Amino acid sequence: MSKRDPKIQRRERRKKSIRRRISGTTECPRLSVDRTLSHIYAQIIDDTTGRTLASASSQGLKVSGGNIVGAKDVGKALAEKAKAASITRVRFDRRGRLFHGRVKALADAAREAGLKF
């Protein structure tokens, strides 16, 4: 039995629960958002084929990823890449995180740039 931090264990349990219900298809892929203390990452995934269709991160864009402004930039860049790949609808996967702060900023920026979820 692993002695992991209870906070991490709770997030892992929430992540598994969410992934049971959310799955990306070719018509409506999954938008997965992950964040660390210093960066934020987002990718659009087709779970039926196991392929990443588009991705963006604060590390790749060379923006300040540890704040809301960086998250907005990542959301906007991801939506532009999705439009180029002719993706308009996605399912949002917050990966066990609360929907506020940087995760919400990324989602709002992606919506403003044209993604629907």
N, C-alpha and C. Protein backbone atom coordinates (compact mmCIF):
# COMPACT_ATOMS: atom_id res chain seq x y z
N MET A 1 0.83 -1.18 0.00
CA MET A 1 0.00 0.00 0.00
C MET A 1 0.88 1.24 0.00
N SER A 2 0.60 2.14 -0.89
CA SER A 2 1.39 3.35 -1.06
C SER A 2 0.97 4.42 -0.06
N LYS A 3 1.95 5.13 0.48
CA LYS A 3 1.67 6.22 1.41
C LYS A 3 1.81 7.53 0.65
N ARG A 4 0.77 7.84 -0.13
CA ARG A 4 0.77 9.08 -0.90
C ARG A 4 0.00 10.14 -0.15
N ASP A 5 0.16 11.35 -0.55
CA ASP A 5 -0.55 12.47 0.04
C ASP A 5 -2.05 12.28 -0.18
N PRO A 6 -2.87 12.42 0.86
CA PRO A 6 -4.31 12.23 0.70
C PRO A 6 -4.94 13.19 -0.32
N LYS A 7 -4.38 14.37 -0.44
CA LYS A 7 -4.90 15.35 -1.41
C LYS A 7 -4.72 14.83 -2.84
N ILE A 8 -3.56 14.24 -3.11
CA ILE A 8 -3.29 13.68 -4.43
C ILE A 8 -4.18 12.47 -4.67
N GLN A 9 -4.39 11.66 -3.66
CA GLN A 9 -5.26 10.50 -3.81
C GLN A 9 -6.69 10.92 -4.15
N ARG A 10 -7.18 11.97 -3.52
CA ARG A 10 -8.54 12.45 -3.81
C ARG A 10 -8.65 12.95 -5.24
N ARG A 11 -7.63 13.68 -5.71
CA ARG A 11 -7.65 14.18 -7.09
C ARG A 11 -7.59 13.03 -8.08
N GLU A 12 -6.79 12.03 -7.81
CA GLU A 12 -6.72 10.86 -8.68
C GLU A 12 -8.07 10.15 -8.76
N ARG A 13 -8.77 10.04 -7.63
CA ARG A 13 -10.08 9.41 -7.62
C ARG A 13 -11.09 10.23 -8.44
N ARG A 14 -11.05 11.56 -8.29
CA ARG A 14 -11.94 12.42 -9.09
C ARG A 14 -11.61 12.29 -10.58
N LYS A 15 -10.31 12.23 -10.91
CA LYS A 15 -9.88 12.12 -12.31
C LYS A 15 -10.43 10.83 -12.94
N LYS A 16 -10.34 9.72 -12.21
CA LYS A 16 -10.86 8.45 -12.73
C LYS A 16 -12.37 8.51 -12.90
N SER A 17 -13.06 9.14 -11.97
CA SER A 17 -14.51 9.25 -12.06
C SER A 17 -14.94 10.07 -13.27
N ILE A 18 -14.23 11.13 -13.52
CA ILE A 18 -14.53 11.99 -14.68
C ILE A 18 -14.26 11.24 -15.97
N ARG A 19 -13.13 10.51 -16.04
CA ARG A 19 -12.76 9.81 -17.28
C ARG A 19 -13.70 8.65 -17.59
N ARG A 20 -14.39 8.12 -16.58
CA ARG A 20 -15.39 7.08 -16.86
C ARG A 20 -16.55 7.65 -17.67
N ARG A 21 -16.86 8.92 -17.43
CA ARG A 21 -18.01 9.54 -18.09
C ARG A 21 -17.64 10.27 -19.36
N ILE A 22 -16.43 10.80 -19.45
CA ILE A 22 -16.01 11.62 -20.59
C ILE A 22 -15.04 10.84 -21.46
N SER A 23 -15.38 10.74 -22.74
CA SER A 23 -14.50 10.09 -23.70
C SER A 23 -14.59 10.86 -25.02
N GLY A 24 -13.45 11.08 -25.64
CA GLY A 24 -13.43 11.82 -26.88
C GLY A 24 -13.63 10.92 -28.08
N THR A 25 -14.42 11.38 -29.03
CA THR A 25 -14.64 10.64 -30.27
C THR A 25 -14.09 11.46 -31.43
N THR A 26 -14.21 10.93 -32.62
CA THR A 26 -13.74 11.65 -33.79
C THR A 26 -14.58 12.91 -34.02
N GLU A 27 -15.90 12.82 -33.79
CA GLU A 27 -16.78 13.97 -34.00
C GLU A 27 -16.63 15.00 -32.88
N CYS A 28 -16.42 14.52 -31.65
CA CYS A 28 -16.33 15.41 -30.50
C CYS A 28 -15.19 14.95 -29.59
N PRO A 29 -13.95 15.39 -29.88
CA PRO A 29 -12.81 14.94 -29.08
C PRO A 29 -12.79 15.56 -27.68
N ARG A 30 -11.89 15.07 -26.86
CA ARG A 30 -11.78 15.49 -25.47
C ARG A 30 -10.69 16.56 -25.33
N LEU A 31 -11.02 17.67 -24.65
CA LEU A 31 -10.06 18.72 -24.34
C LEU A 31 -9.58 18.50 -22.92
N SER A 32 -8.35 18.05 -22.78
CA SER A 32 -7.77 17.72 -21.48
C SER A 32 -6.86 18.87 -21.03
N VAL A 33 -7.06 19.34 -19.80
CA VAL A 33 -6.28 20.44 -19.25
C VAL A 33 -5.52 19.94 -18.03
N ASP A 34 -4.24 20.20 -18.00
CA ASP A 34 -3.43 19.85 -16.84
C ASP A 34 -2.60 21.07 -16.47
N ARG A 35 -2.38 21.24 -15.18
CA ARG A 35 -1.60 22.38 -14.75
C ARG A 35 -0.61 21.97 -13.68
N THR A 36 0.52 22.65 -13.67
CA THR A 36 1.50 22.51 -12.61
C THR A 36 1.64 23.88 -11.96
N LEU A 37 2.56 24.00 -11.02
CA LEU A 37 2.73 25.30 -10.37
C LEU A 37 3.23 26.36 -11.34
N SER A 38 4.02 25.95 -12.32
CA SER A 38 4.62 26.94 -13.19
C SER A 38 4.11 26.94 -14.63
N HIS A 39 3.35 25.93 -15.05
CA HIS A 39 2.88 25.87 -16.43
C HIS A 39 1.48 25.28 -16.51
N ILE A 40 0.85 25.47 -17.68
CA ILE A 40 -0.45 24.87 -17.95
C ILE A 40 -0.40 24.24 -19.33
N TYR A 41 -1.00 23.07 -19.46
CA TYR A 41 -0.95 22.29 -20.69
C TYR A 41 -2.37 21.93 -21.09
N ALA A 42 -2.64 21.92 -22.39
CA ALA A 42 -3.95 21.52 -22.89
C ALA A 42 -3.76 20.76 -24.20
N GLN A 43 -4.58 19.73 -24.38
CA GLN A 43 -4.53 18.97 -25.62
C GLN A 43 -5.90 18.45 -25.98
N ILE A 44 -6.13 18.31 -27.26
CA ILE A 44 -7.39 17.77 -27.78
C ILE A 44 -7.09 16.35 -28.25
N ILE A 45 -7.84 15.38 -27.68
CA ILE A 45 -7.52 13.97 -27.86
C ILE A 45 -8.72 13.22 -28.43
N ASP A 46 -8.46 12.37 -29.42
CA ASP A 46 -9.45 11.43 -29.94
C ASP A 46 -9.19 10.10 -29.26
N ASP A 47 -10.03 9.71 -28.31
CA ASP A 47 -9.80 8.51 -27.53
C ASP A 47 -10.07 7.22 -28.31
N THR A 48 -10.83 7.29 -29.38
CA THR A 48 -11.10 6.07 -30.15
C THR A 48 -9.84 5.60 -30.88
N THR A 49 -9.03 6.54 -31.36
CA THR A 49 -7.79 6.16 -32.04
C THR A 49 -6.57 6.37 -31.16
N GLY A 50 -6.73 7.09 -30.04
CA GLY A 50 -5.61 7.33 -29.14
C GLY A 50 -4.64 8.38 -29.66
N ARG A 51 -5.13 9.31 -30.47
CA ARG A 51 -4.27 10.33 -31.07
C ARG A 51 -4.53 11.70 -30.46
N THR A 52 -3.48 12.49 -30.33
CA THR A 52 -3.60 13.88 -29.94
C THR A 52 -3.75 14.70 -31.22
N LEU A 53 -4.87 15.43 -31.32
CA LEU A 53 -5.17 16.17 -32.54
C LEU A 53 -4.58 17.58 -32.52
N ALA A 54 -4.52 18.19 -31.35
CA ALA A 54 -3.94 19.53 -31.21
C ALA A 54 -3.49 19.69 -29.77
N SER A 55 -2.43 20.48 -29.57
CA SER A 55 -1.96 20.72 -28.21
C SER A 55 -1.33 22.10 -28.11
N ALA A 56 -1.33 22.62 -26.90
CA ALA A 56 -0.69 23.91 -26.62
C ALA A 56 -0.28 23.92 -25.16
N SER A 57 0.78 24.63 -24.85
CA SER A 57 1.21 24.76 -23.47
C SER A 57 1.89 26.10 -23.27
N SER A 58 1.93 26.52 -22.02
CA SER A 58 2.60 27.78 -21.71
C SER A 58 4.10 27.63 -21.90
N GLN A 59 4.60 26.45 -21.76
CA GLN A 59 6.02 26.19 -21.96
C GLN A 59 6.38 26.32 -23.44
N GLY A 60 5.52 25.79 -24.31
CA GLY A 60 5.77 25.86 -25.75
C GLY A 60 5.56 27.24 -26.33
N LEU A 61 4.64 28.00 -25.75
CA LEU A 61 4.34 29.35 -26.25
C LEU A 61 5.27 30.40 -25.67
N LYS A 62 6.07 30.03 -24.68
CA LYS A 62 6.97 30.95 -23.99
C LYS A 62 6.21 32.12 -23.36
N VAL A 63 5.08 31.78 -22.72
CA VAL A 63 4.31 32.79 -21.99
C VAL A 63 4.40 32.47 -20.51
N SER A 64 4.02 33.43 -19.69
CA SER A 64 4.04 33.19 -18.25
C SER A 64 2.89 32.25 -17.91
N GLY A 65 3.19 31.00 -17.64
CA GLY A 65 2.17 29.99 -17.46
C GLY A 65 1.64 29.88 -16.05
N GLY A 66 2.30 30.52 -15.10
CA GLY A 66 1.88 30.39 -13.73
C GLY A 66 0.75 31.31 -13.34
N ASN A 67 0.12 31.94 -14.32
CA ASN A 67 -0.96 32.86 -13.98
C ASN A 67 -2.11 32.76 -14.98
N ILE A 68 -3.14 33.53 -14.74
CA ILE A 68 -4.35 33.48 -15.56
C ILE A 68 -4.10 34.00 -16.97
N VAL A 69 -3.25 35.00 -17.11
CA VAL A 69 -2.96 35.56 -18.43
C VAL A 69 -2.32 34.48 -19.33
N GLY A 70 -1.41 33.72 -18.78
CA GLY A 70 -0.79 32.63 -19.54
C GLY A 70 -1.80 31.57 -19.93
N ALA A 71 -2.73 31.26 -19.03
CA ALA A 71 -3.76 30.27 -19.32
C ALA A 71 -4.67 30.75 -20.45
N LYS A 72 -4.99 32.03 -20.46
CA LYS A 72 -5.81 32.58 -21.54
C LYS A 72 -5.10 32.46 -22.89
N ASP A 73 -3.80 32.74 -22.89
CA ASP A 73 -3.02 32.63 -24.13
C ASP A 73 -2.99 31.19 -24.64
N VAL A 74 -2.86 30.24 -23.73
CA VAL A 74 -2.84 28.83 -24.11
C VAL A 74 -4.20 28.42 -24.68
N GLY A 75 -5.29 28.85 -24.05
CA GLY A 75 -6.63 28.54 -24.53
C GLY A 75 -6.89 29.10 -25.92
N LYS A 76 -6.44 30.32 -26.14
CA LYS A 76 -6.62 30.95 -27.45
C LYS A 76 -5.80 30.22 -28.52
N ALA A 77 -4.56 29.89 -28.20
CA ALA A 77 -3.70 29.19 -29.16
C ALA A 77 -4.25 27.80 -29.48
N LEU A 78 -4.76 27.10 -28.48
CA LEU A 78 -5.32 25.77 -28.70
C LEU A 78 -6.56 25.85 -29.60
N ALA A 79 -7.42 26.84 -29.37
CA ALA A 79 -8.61 26.99 -30.20
C ALA A 79 -8.25 27.28 -31.65
N GLU A 80 -7.20 28.06 -31.87
CA GLU A 80 -6.76 28.35 -33.24
C GLU A 80 -6.24 27.09 -33.92
N LYS A 81 -5.48 26.27 -33.18
CA LYS A 81 -4.98 25.01 -33.75
C LYS A 81 -6.14 24.05 -34.03
N ALA A 82 -7.15 24.07 -33.16
CA ALA A 82 -8.31 23.20 -33.36
C ALA A 82 -9.08 23.62 -34.61
N LYS A 83 -9.24 24.93 -34.81
CA LYS A 83 -9.93 25.41 -36.01
C LYS A 83 -9.17 24.99 -37.27
N ALA A 84 -7.84 25.05 -37.21
CA ALA A 84 -7.03 24.65 -38.36
C ALA A 84 -7.21 23.16 -38.65
N ALA A 85 -7.48 22.37 -37.62
CA ALA A 85 -7.72 20.94 -37.80
C ALA A 85 -9.20 20.64 -37.99
N SER A 86 -10.00 21.67 -38.20
CA SER A 86 -11.46 21.61 -38.42
C SER A 86 -12.19 20.93 -37.25
N ILE A 87 -11.82 21.31 -36.04
CA ILE A 87 -12.49 20.84 -34.82
C ILE A 87 -13.23 22.03 -34.22
N THR A 88 -14.54 21.87 -34.01
CA THR A 88 -15.32 22.96 -33.43
C THR A 88 -15.93 22.59 -32.09
N ARG A 89 -16.25 21.29 -31.90
CA ARG A 89 -16.87 20.84 -30.65
C ARG A 89 -15.93 19.91 -29.90
N VAL A 90 -15.83 20.12 -28.58
CA VAL A 90 -15.00 19.27 -27.73
C VAL A 90 -15.73 18.98 -26.43
N ARG A 91 -15.24 17.97 -25.72
CA ARG A 91 -15.71 17.68 -24.36
C ARG A 91 -14.60 18.09 -23.41
N PHE A 92 -14.94 18.84 -22.37
CA PHE A 92 -13.94 19.40 -21.48
C PHE A 92 -13.60 18.43 -20.36
N ASP A 93 -12.33 18.15 -20.18
CA ASP A 93 -11.83 17.26 -19.12
C ASP A 93 -10.89 18.07 -18.24
N ARG A 94 -11.33 18.37 -17.02
CA ARG A 94 -10.53 19.19 -16.11
C ARG A 94 -9.55 18.37 -15.29
N ARG A 95 -9.54 17.05 -15.47
CA ARG A 95 -8.60 16.12 -14.83
C ARG A 95 -8.57 16.22 -13.31
N GLY A 96 -9.75 16.33 -12.71
CA GLY A 96 -9.85 16.32 -11.26
C GLY A 96 -9.62 17.66 -10.59
N ARG A 97 -9.30 18.67 -11.35
CA ARG A 97 -9.08 20.01 -10.79
C ARG A 97 -10.41 20.74 -10.67
N LEU A 98 -10.46 21.73 -9.80
CA LEU A 98 -11.64 22.57 -9.69
C LEU A 98 -11.76 23.46 -10.91
N PHE A 99 -12.99 23.77 -11.31
CA PHE A 99 -13.20 24.63 -12.47
C PHE A 99 -13.20 26.09 -12.01
N HIS A 100 -12.02 26.60 -11.71
CA HIS A 100 -11.86 28.00 -11.39
C HIS A 100 -10.40 28.37 -11.61
N GLY A 101 -10.12 29.64 -11.57
CA GLY A 101 -8.75 30.10 -11.73
C GLY A 101 -8.22 29.87 -13.13
N ARG A 102 -7.04 29.26 -13.21
CA ARG A 102 -6.38 29.07 -14.51
C ARG A 102 -7.14 28.11 -15.41
N VAL A 103 -7.77 27.07 -14.84
CA VAL A 103 -8.53 26.12 -15.66
C VAL A 103 -9.73 26.82 -16.29
N LYS A 104 -10.42 27.63 -15.52
CA LYS A 104 -11.59 28.37 -16.04
C LYS A 104 -11.15 29.41 -17.06
N ALA A 105 -10.03 30.08 -16.83
CA ALA A 105 -9.53 31.09 -17.76
C ALA A 105 -9.20 30.45 -19.11
N LEU A 106 -8.57 29.27 -19.09
CA LEU A 106 -8.26 28.58 -20.33
C LEU A 106 -9.54 28.19 -21.06
N ALA A 107 -10.52 27.68 -20.33
CA ALA A 107 -11.79 27.26 -20.95
C ALA A 107 -12.52 28.46 -21.55
N ASP A 108 -12.57 29.57 -20.84
CA ASP A 108 -13.24 30.76 -21.34
C ASP A 108 -12.56 31.31 -22.58
N ALA A 109 -11.23 31.32 -22.59
CA ALA A 109 -10.50 31.81 -23.76
C ALA A 109 -10.72 30.91 -24.97
N ALA A 110 -10.78 29.60 -24.75
CA ALA A 110 -11.04 28.67 -25.85
C ALA A 110 -12.46 28.87 -26.39
N ARG A 111 -13.41 29.11 -25.51
CA ARG A 111 -14.78 29.38 -25.96
C ARG A 111 -14.87 30.66 -26.78
N GLU A 112 -14.20 31.70 -26.31
CA GLU A 112 -14.21 32.98 -27.02
C GLU A 112 -13.57 32.86 -28.40
N ALA A 113 -12.58 31.99 -28.51
CA ALA A 113 -11.89 31.81 -29.79
C ALA A 113 -12.63 30.87 -30.74
N GLY A 114 -13.75 30.27 -30.29
CA GLY A 114 -14.58 29.53 -31.22
C GLY A 114 -14.86 28.07 -30.89
N LEU A 115 -14.24 27.52 -29.85
CA LEU A 115 -14.56 26.12 -29.49
C LEU A 115 -15.88 26.06 -28.74
N LYS A 116 -16.62 24.99 -28.96
CA LYS A 116 -17.91 24.82 -28.27
C LYS A 116 -17.82 23.60 -27.37
N PHE A 117 -18.18 23.81 -26.10
CA PHE A 117 -18.28 22.72 -25.13
C PHE A 117 -19.13 23.14 -23.97
